[in-house]
Amino acid sequence: MPRCAVLGDPVAHSLSPVLHRAGYAALGLEEWTYDAVRVPAGTLADFVAGLDEEWRGLSLTMPLKREAIGLAASVSGRASLAGAANTLVRTPTGWAADNTDLPGAVAALRERHSGAVGSAVILGGGATAASTGLALVDLGADTVTVLARDPARAGETLDVIAAHPSRPRVETLGLDADGLAAAPDADVLVSTIPATAQDEALLRRFAGVPVLFDVVYDPWPTPLVAASGSSTVISGLDLLVHQAVLQFEQFTGQRPPLDAMRAAGEAALAGAG
């Protein structure tokens, strides 16, 4: 029985099981299973060491994405560049690490926005901010500004984005009144912060951004999305689906049924609402 799972802490809210199981059902992969397993920070190595040969693939969410890199026998170029892995795939020589958030973000944005991406502002300074920042640079952004509650702790994320071969200009500001006042206008705003952290000052500052990419999918719409006058909005479900289909293909070796997986996610969110 091939087994897969999403690991993180917290993880009970994750839609990944809904998406992957829908993919299995669409392709008749009746023996495959996919679950959500709570794995706290610092315990991933022990968890992975205890897995038997039935386990084929693991999806990693916070706070495990950077921890996962050190467990892999091989690391893809994009995971190495991002300094984080959201995917571990069993191979004959050990676990292979990849980062499907990066190409997933590119695909999600290009699905809804075909215009130029010259500059970007990212809210939050964690691993998801790093991968989406790299995706934006892939799409042409030459200036990336990261607003973080603790700019000093966002240094690793800035270093990751700055190391992109295109060598974008990067800076960090505080996610406070001074930072909001100093933040430049941008072609794309990416929010990686919880909906509960989206206060009135933030909503006012970015109300007119042309393209808004909020990686949250529950609750939806987020306060930022609800208050936005953006002509283009990319959701966390868009990102989740596009990164999940890439994982699905690596785990199963089958072409992923994107439409079925997206429909299952939409239905689950509608039911939760």
C-alpha atoms as a PDB file:
ATOM      1  CA  MET A   1       0.000   0.000   0.000  1.00  0.00           C
ATOM      2  CA  PRO A   2       1.814   3.160  -1.163  1.00  0.00           C
ATOM      3  CA  ARG A   3       1.603   5.831   1.521  1.00  0.00           C
ATOM      4  CA  CYS A   4       2.089   9.609   1.404  1.00  0.00           C
ATOM      5  CA  ALA A   5       1.357  12.416   3.847  1.00  0.00           C
ATOM      6  CA  VAL A   6       1.663  16.098   4.589  1.00  0.00           C
ATOM      7  CA  LEU A   7       3.703  16.849   7.716  1.00  0.00           C
ATOM      8  CA  GLY A   8       3.707  20.018   9.799  1.00  0.00           C
ATOM      9  CA  ASP A   9       2.607  21.667  13.004  1.00  0.00           C
ATOM     10  CA  PRO A  10      -0.216  22.607  12.922  1.00  0.00           C
ATOM     11  CA  VAL A  11      -1.411  20.453  10.039  1.00  0.00           C
ATOM     12  CA  ALA A  12      -5.012  19.374  10.740  1.00  0.00           C
ATOM     13  CA  HIS A  13      -6.300  22.276   8.620  1.00  0.00           C
ATOM     14  CA  SER A  14      -4.333  21.272   5.518  1.00  0.00           C
ATOM     15  CA  LEU A  15      -6.215  20.740   2.245  1.00  0.00           C
ATOM     16  CA  SER A  16      -3.380  18.618   0.826  1.00  0.00           C
ATOM     17  CA  PRO A  17      -5.089  15.302   1.711  1.00  0.00           C
ATOM     18  CA  VAL A  18      -8.246  16.467  -0.100  1.00  0.00           C
ATOM     19  CA  LEU A  19      -6.278  17.342  -3.246  1.00  0.00           C
ATOM     20  CA  HIS A  20      -4.092  14.243  -3.395  1.00  0.00           C
ATOM     21  CA  ARG A  21      -6.926  11.844  -2.588  1.00  0.00           C
ATOM     22  CA  ALA A  22      -9.005  13.434  -5.344  1.00  0.00           C
ATOM     23  CA  GLY A  23      -6.122  12.804  -7.710  1.00  0.00           C
ATOM     24  CA  TYR A  24      -5.921   9.156  -6.652  1.00  0.00           C
ATOM     25  CA  ALA A  25      -9.674   8.734  -7.154  1.00  0.00           C
ATOM     26  CA  ALA A  26      -9.589  10.340 -10.607  1.00  0.00           C
ATOM     27  CA  LEU A  27      -6.832   7.996 -11.773  1.00  0.00           C
ATOM     28  CA  GLY A  28      -8.104   4.853 -10.052  1.00  0.00           C
ATOM     29  CA  LEU A  29      -5.132   4.608  -7.681  1.00  0.00           C
ATOM     30  CA  GLU A  30      -7.243   2.846  -5.083  1.00  0.00           C
ATOM     31  CA  GLU A  31      -4.391   1.524  -2.930  1.00  0.00           C
ATOM     32  CA  TRP A  32      -2.710   4.882  -2.449  1.00  0.00           C
ATOM     33  CA  THR A  33      -3.257   6.759   0.827  1.00  0.00           C
ATOM     34  CA  TYR A  34      -2.467  10.322   1.856  1.00  0.00           C
ATOM     35  CA  ASP A  35      -2.836  11.642   5.396  1.00  0.00           C
ATOM     36  CA  ALA A  36      -2.012  14.674   7.524  1.00  0.00           C
ATOM     37  CA  VAL A  37       0.460  13.982  10.333  1.00  0.00           C
ATOM     38  CA  ARG A  38       1.472  16.428  13.045  1.00  0.00           C
ATOM     39  CA  VAL A  39       5.256  16.567  13.281  1.00  0.00           C
ATOM     40  CA  PRO A  40       6.640  19.334  15.536  1.00  0.00           C
ATOM     41  CA  ALA A  41       9.793  21.257  14.721  1.00  0.00           C
ATOM     42  CA  GLY A  42      12.947  19.367  15.599  1.00  0.00           C
ATOM     43  CA  THR A  43      11.364  15.906  15.289  1.00  0.00           C
ATOM     44  CA  LEU A  44      11.297  15.425  11.520  1.00  0.00           C
ATOM     45  CA  ALA A  45      14.498  13.358  11.372  1.00  0.00           C
ATOM     46  CA  ASP A  46      13.185  10.826  13.876  1.00  0.00           C
ATOM     47  CA  PHE A  47       9.829  10.605  12.107  1.00  0.00           C
ATOM     48  CA  VAL A  48      11.385  10.012   8.688  1.00  0.00           C
ATOM     49  CA  ALA A  49      13.832   7.450  10.092  1.00  0.00           C
ATOM     50  CA  GLY A  50      10.887   5.387  11.301  1.00  0.00           C
ATOM     51  CA  LEU A  51       9.139   5.117   7.916  1.00  0.00           C
ATOM     52  CA  ASP A  52       9.076   1.793   6.083  1.00  0.00           C
ATOM     53  CA  GLU A  53       9.190   1.114   2.346  1.00  0.00           C
ATOM     54  CA  GLU A  54       5.465   1.732   1.895  1.00  0.00           C
ATOM     55  CA  TRP A  55       6.104   5.453   2.238  1.00  0.00           C
ATOM     56  CA  ARG A  56       6.621   7.045  -1.191  1.00  0.00           C
ATOM     57  CA  GLY A  57       6.391  10.795  -0.634  1.00  0.00           C
ATOM     58  CA  LEU A  58       6.080  13.524   1.960  1.00  0.00           C
ATOM     59  CA  SER A  59       4.736  17.048   1.647  1.00  0.00           C
ATOM     60  CA  LEU A  60       6.234  19.479   4.162  1.00  0.00           C
ATOM     61  CA  THR A  61       4.554  22.564   5.535  1.00  0.00           C
ATOM     62  CA  MET A  62       5.613  24.947   8.279  1.00  0.00           C
ATOM     63  CA  PRO A  63       7.777  24.700  10.314  1.00  0.00           C
ATOM     64  CA  LEU A  64       9.576  21.839   8.561  1.00  0.00           C
ATOM     65  CA  LYS A  65      10.565  23.167   5.146  1.00  0.00           C
ATOM     66  CA  ARG A  66      14.085  24.215   6.080  1.00  0.00           C
ATOM     67  CA  GLU A  67      14.573  21.244   8.398  1.00  0.00           C
ATOM     68  CA  ALA A  68      13.795  18.823   5.556  1.00  0.00           C
ATOM     69  CA  ILE A  69      16.795  19.869   3.464  1.00  0.00           C
ATOM     70  CA  GLY A  70      19.234  18.258   5.888  1.00  0.00           C
ATOM     71  CA  LEU A  71      17.543  14.848   5.679  1.00  0.00           C
ATOM     72  CA  ALA A  72      17.844  14.333   1.932  1.00  0.00           C
ATOM     73  CA  ALA A  73      20.352  12.217   0.025  1.00  0.00           C
ATOM     74  CA  SER A  74      19.883  14.562  -2.940  1.00  0.00           C
ATOM     75  CA  VAL A  75      18.554  18.104  -3.235  1.00  0.00           C
ATOM     76  CA  SER A  76      17.123  19.687  -6.393  1.00  0.00           C
ATOM     77  CA  GLY A  77      18.585  22.926  -7.675  1.00  0.00           C
ATOM     78  CA  ARG A  78      15.475  24.928  -6.801  1.00  0.00           C
ATOM     79  CA  ALA A  79      15.292  23.496  -3.262  1.00  0.00           C
ATOM     80  CA  SER A  80      18.957  24.301  -2.789  1.00  0.00           C
ATOM     81  CA  LEU A  81      18.402  27.840  -4.075  1.00  0.00           C
ATOM     82  CA  ALA A  82      15.385  28.332  -1.797  1.00  0.00           C
ATOM     83  CA  GLY A  83      17.129  26.788   1.201  1.00  0.00           C
ATOM     84  CA  ALA A  84      13.915  24.878   1.884  1.00  0.00           C
ATOM     85  CA  ALA A  85      12.088  21.770   0.692  1.00  0.00           C
ATOM     86  CA  ASN A  86       8.354  21.155   0.704  1.00  0.00           C
ATOM     87  CA  THR A  87       8.747  17.734  -0.922  1.00  0.00           C
ATOM     88  CA  LEU A  88      10.585  14.526  -0.016  1.00  0.00           C
ATOM     89  CA  VAL A  89      10.404  11.607  -2.463  1.00  0.00           C
ATOM     90  CA  ARG A  90      11.738   8.124  -1.733  1.00  0.00           C
ATOM     91  CA  THR A  91      14.337   6.956  -4.261  1.00  0.00           C
ATOM     92  CA  PRO A  92      16.584   3.862  -4.396  1.00  0.00           C
ATOM     93  CA  THR A  93      19.405   5.939  -2.914  1.00  0.00           C
ATOM     94  CA  GLY A  94      17.412   7.736  -0.218  1.00  0.00           C
ATOM     95  CA  TRP A  95      15.070  10.690   0.088  1.00  0.00           C
ATOM     96  CA  ALA A  96      15.208  13.338  -2.636  1.00  0.00           C
ATOM     97  CA  ALA A  97      14.284  16.895  -1.664  1.00  0.00           C
ATOM     98  CA  ASP A  98      12.524  19.344  -3.952  1.00  0.00           C
ATOM     99  CA  ASN A  99      10.693  22.663  -3.691  1.00  0.00           C
ATOM    100  CA  THR A 100       7.476  22.717  -5.711  1.00  0.00           C
ATOM    101  CA  ASP A 101       6.367  25.984  -4.085  1.00  0.00           C
ATOM    102  CA  LEU A 102       8.671  27.881  -6.439  1.00  0.00           C
ATOM    103  CA  PRO A 103       7.348  26.554  -9.788  1.00  0.00           C
ATOM    104  CA  GLY A 104       3.874  26.320  -8.251  1.00  0.00           C
ATOM    105  CA  ALA A 105       3.932  30.042  -7.514  1.00  0.00           C
ATOM    106  CA  VAL A 106       5.108  30.793 -11.054  1.00  0.00           C
ATOM    107  CA  ALA A 107       2.280  28.696 -12.514  1.00  0.00           C
ATOM    108  CA  ALA A 108      -0.349  30.163 -10.178  1.00  0.00           C
ATOM    109  CA  LEU A 109       0.605  33.738 -11.018  1.00  0.00           C
ATOM    110  CA  ARG A 110       0.902  33.168 -14.758  1.00  0.00           C
ATOM    111  CA  GLU A 111      -2.486  31.424 -14.826  1.00  0.00           C
ATOM    112  CA  ARG A 112      -4.139  34.718 -13.832  1.00  0.00           C
ATOM    113  CA  HIS A 113      -1.646  37.428 -14.836  1.00  0.00           C
ATOM    114  CA  SER A 114       0.223  37.657 -18.120  1.00  0.00           C
ATOM    115  CA  GLY A 115       1.637  41.156 -17.603  1.00  0.00           C
ATOM    116  CA  ALA A 116       5.049  42.352 -16.510  1.00  0.00           C
ATOM    117  CA  VAL A 117       6.406  41.774 -13.027  1.00  0.00           C
ATOM    118  CA  GLY A 118       9.009  44.457 -12.449  1.00  0.00           C
ATOM    119  CA  SER A 119       8.801  44.960  -8.698  1.00  0.00           C
ATOM    120  CA  ALA A 120       7.313  43.101  -5.763  1.00  0.00           C
ATOM    121  CA  VAL A 121       6.537  43.559  -2.078  1.00  0.00           C
ATOM    122  CA  ILE A 122       6.313  40.471   0.130  1.00  0.00           C
ATOM    123  CA  LEU A 123       4.667  40.449   3.548  1.00  0.00           C
ATOM    124  CA  GLY A 124       6.371  37.981   5.872  1.00  0.00           C
ATOM    125  CA  GLY A 125       9.894  36.637   5.999  1.00  0.00           C
ATOM    126  CA  GLY A 126       9.677  32.840   6.222  1.00  0.00           C
ATOM    127  CA  ALA A 127      10.329  29.949   3.841  1.00  0.00           C
ATOM    128  CA  THR A 128       7.203  30.617   1.760  1.00  0.00           C
ATOM    129  CA  ALA A 129       8.285  34.236   1.326  1.00  0.00           C
ATOM    130  CA  ALA A 130      11.651  33.009   0.060  1.00  0.00           C
ATOM    131  CA  SER A 131      10.207  30.626  -2.527  1.00  0.00           C
ATOM    132  CA  THR A 132       7.594  33.094  -3.788  1.00  0.00           C
ATOM    133  CA  GLY A 133      10.278  35.778  -3.954  1.00  0.00           C
ATOM    134  CA  LEU A 134      12.401  33.542  -6.156  1.00  0.00           C
ATOM    135  CA  ALA A 135       9.346  32.821  -8.315  1.00  0.00           C
ATOM    136  CA  LEU A 136       8.746  36.542  -8.821  1.00  0.00           C
ATOM    137  CA  VAL A 137      12.362  37.054  -9.850  1.00  0.00           C
ATOM    138  CA  ASP A 138      11.962  34.164 -12.297  1.00  0.00           C
ATOM    139  CA  LEU A 139       9.069  36.148 -13.778  1.00  0.00           C
ATOM    140  CA  GLY A 140      11.155  39.293 -14.142  1.00  0.00           C
ATOM    141  CA  ALA A 141      11.050  41.162 -10.834  1.00  0.00           C
ATOM    142  CA  ASP A 142      14.266  43.126 -10.378  1.00  0.00           C
ATOM    143  CA  THR A 143      13.294  44.716  -7.051  1.00  0.00           C
ATOM    144  CA  VAL A 144      11.898  42.805  -4.056  1.00  0.00           C
ATOM    145  CA  THR A 145      10.991  44.405  -0.727  1.00  0.00           C
ATOM    146  CA  VAL A 146      10.263  42.143   2.248  1.00  0.00           C
ATOM    147  CA  LEU A 147       8.171  43.502   5.139  1.00  0.00           C
ATOM    148  CA  ALA A 148       8.635  41.357   8.231  1.00  0.00           C
ATOM    149  CA  ARG A 149       7.556  41.716  11.836  1.00  0.00           C
ATOM    150  CA  ASP A 150      11.176  41.070  12.814  1.00  0.00           C
ATOM    151  CA  PRO A 151      13.443  42.207   9.943  1.00  0.00           C
ATOM    152  CA  ALA A 152      16.494  40.718  11.646  1.00  0.00           C
ATOM    153  CA  ARG A 153      14.964  37.237  11.408  1.00  0.00           C
ATOM    154  CA  ALA A 154      14.190  37.718   7.710  1.00  0.00           C
ATOM    155  CA  GLY A 155      17.873  37.846   6.824  1.00  0.00           C
ATOM    156  CA  GLU A 156      17.938  34.269   5.545  1.00  0.00           C
ATOM    157  CA  THR A 157      14.990  34.967   3.259  1.00  0.00           C
ATOM    158  CA  LEU A 158      16.657  38.085   1.862  1.00  0.00           C
ATOM    159  CA  ASP A 159      19.880  36.172   1.261  1.00  0.00           C
ATOM    160  CA  VAL A 160      17.953  33.463  -0.605  1.00  0.00           C
ATOM    161  CA  ILE A 161      16.203  35.923  -2.928  1.00  0.00           C
ATOM    162  CA  ALA A 162      19.366  37.952  -3.486  1.00  0.00           C
ATOM    163  CA  ALA A 163      21.231  34.780  -4.526  1.00  0.00           C
ATOM    164  CA  HIS A 164      18.968  34.295  -7.557  1.00  0.00           C
ATOM    165  CA  PRO A 165      21.139  34.293 -10.715  1.00  0.00           C
ATOM    166  CA  SER A 166      19.366  37.452 -11.901  1.00  0.00           C
ATOM    167  CA  ARG A 167      20.709  39.278  -8.826  1.00  0.00           C
ATOM    168  CA  PRO A 168      17.636  41.366  -7.930  1.00  0.00           C
ATOM    169  CA  ARG A 169      17.803  44.335  -5.584  1.00  0.00           C
ATOM    170  CA  VAL A 170      16.351  43.289  -2.231  1.00  0.00           C
ATOM    171  CA  GLU A 171      15.606  45.116   0.985  1.00  0.00           C
ATOM    172  CA  THR A 172      13.783  44.466   4.232  1.00  0.00           C
ATOM    173  CA  LEU A 173      11.535  46.746   6.258  1.00  0.00           C
ATOM    174  CA  GLY A 174       9.526  46.321   9.416  1.00  0.00           C
ATOM    175  CA  LEU A 175       5.903  45.305   9.159  1.00  0.00           C
ATOM    176  CA  ASP A 176       4.895  48.391  11.142  1.00  0.00           C
ATOM    177  CA  ALA A 177       3.868  52.000  10.527  1.00  0.00           C
ATOM    178  CA  ASP A 178       7.377  53.087   9.543  1.00  0.00           C
ATOM    179  CA  GLY A 179       7.851  50.121   7.235  1.00  0.00           C
ATOM    180  CA  LEU A 180       4.491  50.609   5.549  1.00  0.00           C
ATOM    181  CA  ALA A 181       5.261  54.281   4.979  1.00  0.00           C
ATOM    182  CA  ALA A 182       8.649  53.468   3.458  1.00  0.00           C
ATOM    183  CA  ALA A 183       7.466  50.540   1.338  1.00  0.00           C
ATOM    184  CA  PRO A 184       7.497  51.236  -2.403  1.00  0.00           C
ATOM    185  CA  ASP A 185       4.549  50.746  -4.703  1.00  0.00           C
ATOM    186  CA  ALA A 186       4.858  47.450  -6.565  1.00  0.00           C
ATOM    187  CA  ASP A 187       3.472  45.519  -9.501  1.00  0.00           C
ATOM    188  CA  VAL A 188       2.741  42.515  -7.252  1.00  0.00           C
ATOM    189  CA  LEU A 189       2.028  42.221  -3.540  1.00  0.00           C
ATOM    190  CA  VAL A 190       2.511  38.787  -1.990  1.00  0.00           C
ATOM    191  CA  SER A 191       1.155  38.138   1.495  1.00  0.00           C
ATOM    192  CA  THR A 192       2.473  35.149   3.433  1.00  0.00           C
ATOM    193  CA  ILE A 193       1.126  36.345   6.800  1.00  0.00           C
ATOM    194  CA  PRO A 194      -1.999  35.015   8.571  1.00  0.00           C
ATOM    195  CA  ALA A 195      -5.320  36.704   8.013  1.00  0.00           C
ATOM    196  CA  THR A 196      -5.317  37.682  11.700  1.00  0.00           C
ATOM    197  CA  ALA A 197      -2.165  39.781  11.116  1.00  0.00           C
ATOM    198  CA  GLN A 198      -3.751  41.836   8.315  1.00  0.00           C
ATOM    199  CA  ASP A 199      -4.651  45.042  10.145  1.00  0.00           C
ATOM    200  CA  GLU A 200      -6.336  48.231   8.955  1.00  0.00           C
ATOM    201  CA  ALA A 201      -3.076  50.087   8.305  1.00  0.00           C
ATOM    202  CA  LEU A 202      -1.914  47.283   6.033  1.00  0.00           C
ATOM    203  CA  LEU A 203      -5.219  47.207   4.159  1.00  0.00           C
ATOM    204  CA  ARG A 204      -5.127  50.947   3.525  1.00  0.00           C
ATOM    205  CA  ARG A 205      -1.508  50.949   2.350  1.00  0.00           C
ATOM    206  CA  PHE A 206      -1.957  48.270  -0.298  1.00  0.00           C
ATOM    207  CA  ALA A 207      -5.581  48.778  -1.304  1.00  0.00           C
ATOM    208  CA  GLY A 208      -4.715  49.638  -4.899  1.00  0.00           C
ATOM    209  CA  VAL A 209      -1.949  47.170  -5.730  1.00  0.00           C
ATOM    210  CA  PRO A 210      -2.441  45.863  -9.309  1.00  0.00           C
ATOM    211  CA  VAL A 211      -1.802  42.181  -8.518  1.00  0.00           C
ATOM    212  CA  LEU A 212      -2.436  40.630  -5.094  1.00  0.00           C
ATOM    213  CA  PHE A 213      -1.165  37.132  -4.301  1.00  0.00           C
ATOM    214  CA  ASP A 214      -2.336  35.968  -0.854  1.00  0.00           C
ATOM    215  CA  VAL A 215      -1.013  32.503   0.003  1.00  0.00           C
ATOM    216  CA  VAL A 216      -3.739  31.974   2.636  1.00  0.00           C
ATOM    217  CA  TYR A 217      -6.729  29.892   1.506  1.00  0.00           C
ATOM    218  CA  ASP A 218      -8.705  29.601   4.718  1.00  0.00           C
ATOM    219  CA  PRO A 219     -10.345  31.890   5.709  1.00  0.00           C
ATOM    220  CA  TRP A 220     -11.170  33.291   2.285  1.00  0.00           C
ATOM    221  CA  PRO A 221     -11.375  36.016   1.342  1.00  0.00           C
ATOM    222  CA  THR A 222      -8.749  37.358   3.704  1.00  0.00           C
ATOM    223  CA  PRO A 223      -9.131  40.936   4.974  1.00  0.00           C
ATOM    224  CA  LEU A 224      -6.445  42.006   2.498  1.00  0.00           C
ATOM    225  CA  VAL A 225      -8.340  40.493  -0.427  1.00  0.00           C
ATOM    226  CA  ALA A 226     -11.728  41.791   0.732  1.00  0.00           C
ATOM    227  CA  ALA A 227     -10.424  45.346   0.999  1.00  0.00           C
ATOM    228  CA  SER A 228      -8.378  45.241  -2.174  1.00  0.00           C
ATOM    229  CA  GLY A 229      -9.174  46.987  -5.413  1.00  0.00           C
ATOM    230  CA  SER A 230      -6.732  44.733  -7.241  1.00  0.00           C
ATOM    231  CA  SER A 231      -7.626  43.784 -10.779  1.00  0.00           C
ATOM    232  CA  THR A 232      -5.933  40.399 -10.352  1.00  0.00           C
ATOM    233  CA  VAL A 233      -6.079  38.198  -7.245  1.00  0.00           C
ATOM    234  CA  ILE A 234      -4.206  34.910  -6.838  1.00  0.00           C
ATOM    235  CA  SER A 235      -5.258  32.761  -3.908  1.00  0.00           C
ATOM    236  CA  GLY A 236      -3.570  30.318  -1.621  1.00  0.00           C
ATOM    237  CA  LEU A 237      -5.655  27.574  -3.225  1.00  0.00           C
ATOM    238  CA  ASP A 238      -4.147  28.474  -6.613  1.00  0.00           C
ATOM    239  CA  LEU A 239      -0.671  28.021  -5.145  1.00  0.00           C
ATOM    240  CA  LEU A 240      -1.604  24.866  -3.242  1.00  0.00           C
ATOM    241  CA  VAL A 241      -3.064  23.177  -6.323  1.00  0.00           C
ATOM    242  CA  HIS A 242      -0.158  24.014  -8.611  1.00  0.00           C
ATOM    243  CA  GLN A 243       2.505  22.877  -6.163  1.00  0.00           C
ATOM    244  CA  ALA A 244       0.460  19.777  -5.299  1.00  0.00           C
ATOM    245  CA  VAL A 245       0.178  18.549  -8.884  1.00  0.00           C
ATOM    246  CA  LEU A 246       3.971  18.676  -9.158  1.00  0.00           C
ATOM    247  CA  GLN A 247       4.278  16.633  -5.964  1.00  0.00           C
ATOM    248  CA  PHE A 248       1.597  14.215  -7.143  1.00  0.00           C
ATOM    249  CA  GLU A 249       3.563  13.461 -10.308  1.00  0.00           C
ATOM    250  CA  GLN A 250       6.780  12.885  -8.368  1.00  0.00           C
ATOM    251  CA  PHE A 251       5.082  10.629  -5.820  1.00  0.00           C
ATOM    252  CA  THR A 252       3.046   8.495  -8.231  1.00  0.00           C
ATOM    253  CA  GLY A 253       4.758   8.796 -11.612  1.00  0.00           C
ATOM    254  CA  GLN A 254       1.334   9.606 -13.069  1.00  0.00           C
ATOM    255  CA  ARG A 255       0.168  12.711 -14.896  1.00  0.00           C
ATOM    256  CA  PRO A 256      -1.806  14.669 -12.279  1.00  0.00           C
ATOM    257  CA  PRO A 257      -5.514  15.479 -12.865  1.00  0.00           C
ATOM    258  CA  LEU A 258      -5.276  19.214 -12.070  1.00  0.00           C
ATOM    259  CA  ASP A 259      -8.950  19.996 -12.672  1.00  0.00           C
ATOM    260  CA  ALA A 260     -10.162  17.230 -10.371  1.00  0.00           C
ATOM    261  CA  MET A 261      -7.754  18.274  -7.639  1.00  0.00           C
ATOM    262  CA  ARG A 262      -8.739  21.937  -7.885  1.00  0.00           C
ATOM    263  CA  ALA A 263     -12.464  21.089  -7.833  1.00  0.00           C
ATOM    264  CA  ALA A 264     -12.001  19.007  -4.706  1.00  0.00           C
ATOM    265  CA  GLY A 265     -10.209  21.899  -2.984  1.00  0.00           C
ATOM    266  CA  GLU A 266     -12.895  24.368  -3.985  1.00  0.00           C
ATOM    267  CA  ALA A 267     -15.639  22.032  -2.729  1.00  0.00           C
ATOM    268  CA  ALA A 268     -13.874  21.520   0.593  1.00  0.00           C
ATOM    269  CA  LEU A 269     -13.490  25.256   1.157  1.00  0.00           C
ATOM    270  CA  ALA A 270     -17.116  25.883   0.172  1.00  0.00           C
ATOM    271  CA  GLY A 271     -18.240  23.245   2.643  1.00  0.00           C
ATOM    272  CA  ALA A 272     -16.069  24.690   5.394  1.00  0.00           C
ATOM    273  CA  GLY A 273     -17.581  28.118   4.769  1.00  0.00           C
END
